[in-house]
Amino acid sequence: MFGFMNSSLQAGKDAVLSMGTRMAINHQINEYGEMLKLNLDSKNKNIEIEVMFEGEKEPLKVYIQKYAIMQEEEKHFVQIKSIQTSRTWLNTIASSYLEGKNIEIPSRYAKILKVLV
């Protein structure tokens, strides 16, 4: 029974975080496109994203497997262990520039992350 409650709470937290993150990202990219979907699975550390960019015929799909959130002093970072996209050419770029790198999370979002994750 407690396992079910914990899993339900986790799913609820993931849904709230997904919605808030999607809204924040849409605010940042509104002149380029719209994030259609963001599914966060904090238990398994996976993220699924779908973005429709202006002028594109199909949305870009991004699958992040095994992310980690870290803190060093006052800064927060996300590290992506593995990333795949629906665009072959973008997989090479994402692998080179994102996998294994610490990507800083702006402090205004890091505070929310600490509460939800």
N, C-alpha and C. Protein backbone atom coordinates (compact mmCIF):
# COMPACT_ATOMS: atom_id res chain seq x y z
N MET A 1 0.83 -1.19 0.00
CA MET A 1 0.00 0.00 0.00
C MET A 1 0.87 1.26 0.00
N PHE A 2 1.92 1.29 0.84
CA PHE A 2 2.77 2.48 0.90
C PHE A 2 3.56 2.66 -0.39
N GLY A 3 3.93 1.55 -1.05
CA GLY A 3 4.63 1.63 -2.32
C GLY A 3 3.77 2.32 -3.37
N PHE A 4 2.47 1.99 -3.38
CA PHE A 4 1.54 2.61 -4.31
C PHE A 4 1.41 4.11 -4.02
N MET A 5 1.32 4.45 -2.72
CA MET A 5 1.20 5.87 -2.35
C MET A 5 2.46 6.63 -2.75
N ASN A 6 3.63 6.06 -2.49
CA ASN A 6 4.88 6.72 -2.87
C ASN A 6 4.96 6.90 -4.37
N SER A 7 4.58 5.87 -5.12
CA SER A 7 4.64 5.97 -6.57
C SER A 7 3.63 6.99 -7.08
N SER A 8 2.46 7.10 -6.46
CA SER A 8 1.47 8.11 -6.85
C SER A 8 1.97 9.51 -6.55
N LEU A 9 2.59 9.69 -5.38
CA LEU A 9 3.16 11.00 -5.04
C LEU A 9 4.26 11.38 -6.02
N GLN A 10 5.12 10.42 -6.36
CA GLN A 10 6.21 10.67 -7.32
C GLN A 10 5.65 11.07 -8.67
N ALA A 11 4.62 10.36 -9.13
CA ALA A 11 4.00 10.68 -10.42
C ALA A 11 3.38 12.08 -10.38
N GLY A 12 2.77 12.44 -9.27
CA GLY A 12 2.19 13.78 -9.14
C GLY A 12 3.25 14.86 -9.16
N LYS A 13 4.35 14.63 -8.44
CA LYS A 13 5.46 15.59 -8.45
C LYS A 13 6.05 15.72 -9.85
N ASP A 14 6.20 14.59 -10.54
CA ASP A 14 6.74 14.62 -11.90
C ASP A 14 5.82 15.41 -12.83
N ALA A 15 4.51 15.24 -12.68
CA ALA A 15 3.56 15.95 -13.53
C ALA A 15 3.62 17.46 -13.29
N VAL A 16 3.71 17.86 -12.03
CA VAL A 16 3.80 19.30 -11.70
C VAL A 16 5.10 19.88 -12.24
N LEU A 17 6.19 19.19 -12.03
CA LEU A 17 7.48 19.65 -12.51
C LEU A 17 7.51 19.71 -14.04
N SER A 18 6.93 18.70 -14.69
CA SER A 18 6.87 18.68 -16.15
C SER A 18 6.09 19.88 -16.69
N MET A 19 4.94 20.15 -16.08
CA MET A 19 4.10 21.25 -16.52
C MET A 19 4.81 22.59 -16.32
N GLY A 20 5.39 22.79 -15.16
CA GLY A 20 6.09 24.05 -14.87
C GLY A 20 7.30 24.25 -15.78
N THR A 21 8.03 23.19 -16.01
CA THR A 21 9.21 23.27 -16.88
C THR A 21 8.79 23.56 -18.31
N ARG A 22 7.73 22.89 -18.77
CA ARG A 22 7.23 23.13 -20.13
C ARG A 22 6.80 24.58 -20.30
N MET A 23 6.13 25.13 -19.32
CA MET A 23 5.70 26.53 -19.38
C MET A 23 6.90 27.47 -19.43
N ALA A 24 7.91 27.20 -18.59
CA ALA A 24 9.11 28.05 -18.56
C ALA A 24 9.86 27.98 -19.88
N ILE A 25 9.99 26.80 -20.43
CA ILE A 25 10.69 26.65 -21.70
C ILE A 25 9.91 27.30 -22.82
N ASN A 26 8.60 27.12 -22.84
CA ASN A 26 7.78 27.77 -23.89
C ASN A 26 7.92 29.29 -23.84
N HIS A 27 8.03 29.82 -22.66
CA HIS A 27 8.24 31.26 -22.53
C HIS A 27 9.56 31.69 -23.18
N GLN A 28 10.58 30.84 -23.05
CA GLN A 28 11.90 31.16 -23.60
C GLN A 28 11.99 30.95 -25.11
N ILE A 29 11.23 30.00 -25.65
CA ILE A 29 11.38 29.65 -27.07
C ILE A 29 10.19 30.07 -27.92
N ASN A 30 9.29 30.88 -27.40
CA ASN A 30 8.04 31.17 -28.11
C ASN A 30 8.24 31.78 -29.50
N GLU A 31 9.34 32.44 -29.76
CA GLU A 31 9.55 32.98 -31.10
C GLU A 31 10.10 31.94 -32.07
N TYR A 32 10.54 30.79 -31.56
CA TYR A 32 11.10 29.72 -32.40
C TYR A 32 10.16 28.55 -32.57
N GLY A 33 9.29 28.34 -31.59
CA GLY A 33 8.40 27.19 -31.64
C GLY A 33 7.71 26.97 -30.31
N GLU A 34 7.19 25.75 -30.13
CA GLU A 34 6.44 25.44 -28.92
C GLU A 34 6.77 24.02 -28.45
N MET A 35 6.99 23.88 -27.15
CA MET A 35 7.18 22.56 -26.57
C MET A 35 5.80 21.94 -26.42
N LEU A 36 5.60 20.84 -27.09
CA LEU A 36 4.30 20.16 -27.07
C LEU A 36 4.18 19.19 -25.90
N LYS A 37 5.30 18.59 -25.54
CA LYS A 37 5.25 17.55 -24.51
C LYS A 37 6.56 17.55 -23.74
N LEU A 38 6.44 17.35 -22.44
CA LEU A 38 7.59 17.12 -21.58
C LEU A 38 7.14 16.12 -20.52
N ASN A 39 7.68 14.92 -20.58
CA ASN A 39 7.36 13.89 -19.59
C ASN A 39 8.62 13.61 -18.79
N LEU A 40 8.50 13.77 -17.50
CA LEU A 40 9.62 13.56 -16.59
C LEU A 40 9.35 12.30 -15.78
N ASP A 41 10.34 11.44 -15.70
CA ASP A 41 10.28 10.23 -14.87
C ASP A 41 11.45 10.32 -13.90
N SER A 42 11.23 10.97 -12.76
CA SER A 42 12.32 11.21 -11.82
C SER A 42 12.80 9.94 -11.14
N LYS A 43 11.97 8.93 -11.06
CA LYS A 43 12.39 7.66 -10.46
C LYS A 43 13.48 7.00 -11.32
N ASN A 44 13.24 6.94 -12.62
CA ASN A 44 14.20 6.30 -13.54
C ASN A 44 15.16 7.30 -14.17
N LYS A 45 14.98 8.59 -13.87
CA LYS A 45 15.85 9.67 -14.36
C LYS A 45 15.83 9.76 -15.89
N ASN A 46 14.61 9.76 -16.46
CA ASN A 46 14.42 9.89 -17.89
C ASN A 46 13.51 11.07 -18.19
N ILE A 47 13.73 11.69 -19.36
CA ILE A 47 12.90 12.80 -19.80
C ILE A 47 12.58 12.60 -21.28
N GLU A 48 11.32 12.82 -21.64
CA GLU A 48 10.90 12.76 -23.03
C GLU A 48 10.34 14.14 -23.40
N ILE A 49 10.85 14.71 -24.48
CA ILE A 49 10.47 16.06 -24.90
C ILE A 49 10.03 16.03 -26.36
N GLU A 50 9.04 16.85 -26.68
CA GLU A 50 8.60 17.00 -28.06
C GLU A 50 8.41 18.50 -28.32
N VAL A 51 9.11 19.03 -29.33
CA VAL A 51 9.07 20.45 -29.64
C VAL A 51 8.73 20.63 -31.12
N MET A 52 7.80 21.53 -31.40
CA MET A 52 7.46 21.87 -32.78
C MET A 52 8.07 23.23 -33.07
N PHE A 53 9.09 23.24 -33.93
CA PHE A 53 9.76 24.48 -34.31
C PHE A 53 9.12 25.09 -35.54
N GLU A 54 9.13 26.41 -35.61
CA GLU A 54 8.58 27.14 -36.75
C GLU A 54 9.21 26.62 -38.04
N GLY A 55 8.38 26.39 -39.06
CA GLY A 55 8.87 25.96 -40.36
C GLY A 55 9.12 24.48 -40.49
N GLU A 56 9.03 23.73 -39.40
CA GLU A 56 9.24 22.28 -39.45
C GLU A 56 7.92 21.57 -39.74
N LYS A 57 8.01 20.43 -40.39
CA LYS A 57 6.81 19.64 -40.69
C LYS A 57 6.47 18.66 -39.58
N GLU A 58 7.51 18.22 -38.85
CA GLU A 58 7.31 17.26 -37.77
C GLU A 58 8.01 17.76 -36.51
N PRO A 59 7.46 17.43 -35.35
CA PRO A 59 8.11 17.86 -34.11
C PRO A 59 9.44 17.15 -33.90
N LEU A 60 10.32 17.82 -33.20
CA LEU A 60 11.58 17.22 -32.77
C LEU A 60 11.30 16.46 -31.48
N LYS A 61 11.72 15.19 -31.45
CA LYS A 61 11.55 14.38 -30.25
C LYS A 61 12.93 14.17 -29.64
N VAL A 62 13.00 14.35 -28.32
CA VAL A 62 14.26 14.20 -27.59
C VAL A 62 14.02 13.24 -26.43
N TYR A 63 14.91 12.27 -26.32
CA TYR A 63 14.85 11.28 -25.23
C TYR A 63 16.13 11.37 -24.42
N ILE A 64 16.01 11.75 -23.18
CA ILE A 64 17.15 11.85 -22.28
C ILE A 64 17.06 10.68 -21.31
N GLN A 65 18.11 9.87 -21.30
CA GLN A 65 18.14 8.73 -20.40
C GLN A 65 19.22 8.97 -19.34
N LYS A 66 18.83 8.74 -18.12
CA LYS A 66 19.75 8.80 -17.00
C LYS A 66 20.40 10.17 -16.81
N TYR A 67 19.58 11.13 -16.41
CA TYR A 67 20.11 12.44 -16.05
C TYR A 67 20.43 12.46 -14.56
N ALA A 68 21.25 13.40 -14.16
CA ALA A 68 21.56 13.59 -12.74
C ALA A 68 21.51 15.08 -12.44
N ILE A 69 20.99 15.44 -11.28
CA ILE A 69 20.96 16.83 -10.83
C ILE A 69 21.97 16.95 -9.70
N MET A 70 22.87 17.94 -9.85
CA MET A 70 23.95 18.10 -8.87
C MET A 70 24.02 19.54 -8.39
N GLN A 71 24.66 19.72 -7.25
CA GLN A 71 24.89 21.06 -6.72
C GLN A 71 26.37 21.19 -6.39
N GLU A 72 26.95 22.28 -6.85
CA GLU A 72 28.34 22.62 -6.51
C GLU A 72 28.31 24.04 -5.98
N GLU A 73 28.62 24.18 -4.71
CA GLU A 73 28.50 25.46 -4.01
C GLU A 73 27.08 25.96 -4.15
N GLU A 74 26.87 27.14 -4.71
CA GLU A 74 25.52 27.69 -4.83
C GLU A 74 24.88 27.43 -6.19
N LYS A 75 25.57 26.72 -7.07
CA LYS A 75 25.06 26.48 -8.42
C LYS A 75 24.51 25.06 -8.55
N HIS A 76 23.48 24.94 -9.38
CA HIS A 76 22.87 23.64 -9.64
C HIS A 76 23.08 23.29 -11.12
N PHE A 77 23.26 22.00 -11.37
CA PHE A 77 23.54 21.53 -12.72
C PHE A 77 22.72 20.28 -13.01
N VAL A 78 22.47 20.06 -14.28
CA VAL A 78 21.93 18.79 -14.74
C VAL A 78 23.00 18.17 -15.64
N GLN A 79 23.17 16.88 -15.50
CA GLN A 79 24.11 16.15 -16.35
C GLN A 79 23.34 15.06 -17.07
N ILE A 80 23.50 15.02 -18.38
CA ILE A 80 22.81 14.05 -19.23
C ILE A 80 23.77 12.91 -19.53
N LYS A 81 23.37 11.72 -19.17
CA LYS A 81 24.22 10.55 -19.42
C LYS A 81 24.06 10.07 -20.86
N SER A 82 22.83 10.13 -21.41
CA SER A 82 22.56 9.66 -22.76
C SER A 82 21.42 10.46 -23.35
N ILE A 83 21.53 10.82 -24.63
CA ILE A 83 20.50 11.59 -25.30
C ILE A 83 20.35 11.10 -26.75
N GLN A 84 19.10 10.97 -27.17
CA GLN A 84 18.76 10.60 -28.55
C GLN A 84 17.66 11.54 -29.02
N THR A 85 17.69 11.85 -30.31
CA THR A 85 16.65 12.70 -30.88
C THR A 85 16.06 12.02 -32.11
N SER A 86 15.01 12.62 -32.64
CA SER A 86 14.39 12.10 -33.86
C SER A 86 15.10 12.60 -35.12
N ARG A 87 16.17 13.36 -34.95
CA ARG A 87 16.96 13.85 -36.09
C ARG A 87 18.37 13.25 -36.01
N THR A 88 18.73 12.46 -37.00
CA THR A 88 20.02 11.77 -37.00
C THR A 88 21.18 12.74 -36.85
N TRP A 89 21.18 13.84 -37.59
CA TRP A 89 22.28 14.79 -37.54
C TRP A 89 22.40 15.44 -36.17
N LEU A 90 21.26 15.62 -35.50
CA LEU A 90 21.27 16.26 -34.19
C LEU A 90 21.80 15.32 -33.10
N ASN A 91 21.68 14.01 -33.31
CA ASN A 91 22.22 13.06 -32.35
C ASN A 91 23.73 13.24 -32.17
N THR A 92 24.43 13.49 -33.29
CA THR A 92 25.88 13.69 -33.22
C THR A 92 26.21 14.95 -32.43
N ILE A 93 25.50 16.02 -32.69
CA ILE A 93 25.74 17.28 -31.98
C ILE A 93 25.39 17.14 -30.50
N ALA A 94 24.24 16.55 -30.21
CA ALA A 94 23.81 16.38 -28.81
C ALA A 94 24.80 15.51 -28.04
N SER A 95 25.27 14.46 -28.67
CA SER A 95 26.23 13.58 -28.02
C SER A 95 27.53 14.33 -27.71
N SER A 96 27.99 15.13 -28.66
CA SER A 96 29.25 15.86 -28.48
C SER A 96 29.16 16.97 -27.45
N TYR A 97 28.05 17.69 -27.44
CA TYR A 97 27.96 18.90 -26.62
C TYR A 97 27.15 18.76 -25.34
N LEU A 98 26.39 17.69 -25.19
CA LEU A 98 25.54 17.57 -24.01
C LEU A 98 25.85 16.37 -23.12
N GLU A 99 26.15 15.24 -23.72
CA GLU A 99 26.38 14.04 -22.90
C GLU A 99 27.58 14.19 -21.98
N GLY A 100 27.34 13.94 -20.71
CA GLY A 100 28.41 13.99 -19.72
C GLY A 100 28.83 15.37 -19.28
N LYS A 101 28.21 16.41 -19.82
CA LYS A 101 28.56 17.79 -19.47
C LYS A 101 27.62 18.30 -18.39
N ASN A 102 28.14 19.16 -17.51
CA ASN A 102 27.31 19.82 -16.51
C ASN A 102 26.69 21.06 -17.13
N ILE A 103 25.36 21.09 -17.17
CA ILE A 103 24.62 22.22 -17.74
C ILE A 103 23.99 22.97 -16.57
N GLU A 104 24.36 24.23 -16.41
CA GLU A 104 23.87 24.99 -15.26
C GLU A 104 22.38 25.26 -15.37
N ILE A 105 21.70 25.10 -14.24
CA ILE A 105 20.27 25.40 -14.14
C ILE A 105 20.17 26.79 -13.53
N PRO A 106 19.45 27.72 -14.18
CA PRO A 106 19.30 29.06 -13.60
C PRO A 106 18.77 28.98 -12.16
N SER A 107 19.27 29.83 -11.29
CA SER A 107 18.95 29.75 -9.86
C SER A 107 17.45 29.85 -9.60
N ARG A 108 16.73 30.62 -10.40
CA ARG A 108 15.28 30.74 -10.15
C ARG A 108 14.56 29.42 -10.36
N TYR A 109 15.08 28.54 -11.22
CA TYR A 109 14.48 27.23 -11.44
C TYR A 109 15.05 26.19 -10.49
N ALA A 110 16.27 26.37 -10.08
CA ALA A 110 16.92 25.41 -9.17
C ALA A 110 16.17 25.34 -7.84
N LYS A 111 15.64 26.47 -7.37
CA LYS A 111 14.90 26.49 -6.11
C LYS A 111 13.66 25.61 -6.20
N ILE A 112 12.98 25.66 -7.33
CA ILE A 112 11.78 24.82 -7.53
C ILE A 112 12.20 23.36 -7.60
N LEU A 113 13.28 23.08 -8.31
CA LEU A 113 13.76 21.69 -8.43
C LEU A 113 14.04 21.07 -7.08
N LYS A 114 14.66 21.83 -6.19
CA LYS A 114 15.02 21.30 -4.87
C LYS A 114 13.77 20.87 -4.10
N VAL A 115 12.67 21.57 -4.29
CA VAL A 115 11.44 21.22 -3.60
C VAL A 115 10.79 19.99 -4.21
N LEU A 116 10.80 19.89 -5.54
CA LEU A 116 10.06 18.83 -6.21
C LEU A 116 10.81 17.54 -6.47
N VAL A 117 12.13 17.61 -6.62
CA VAL A 117 12.87 16.40 -7.00
C VAL A 117 13.47 15.75 -5.77
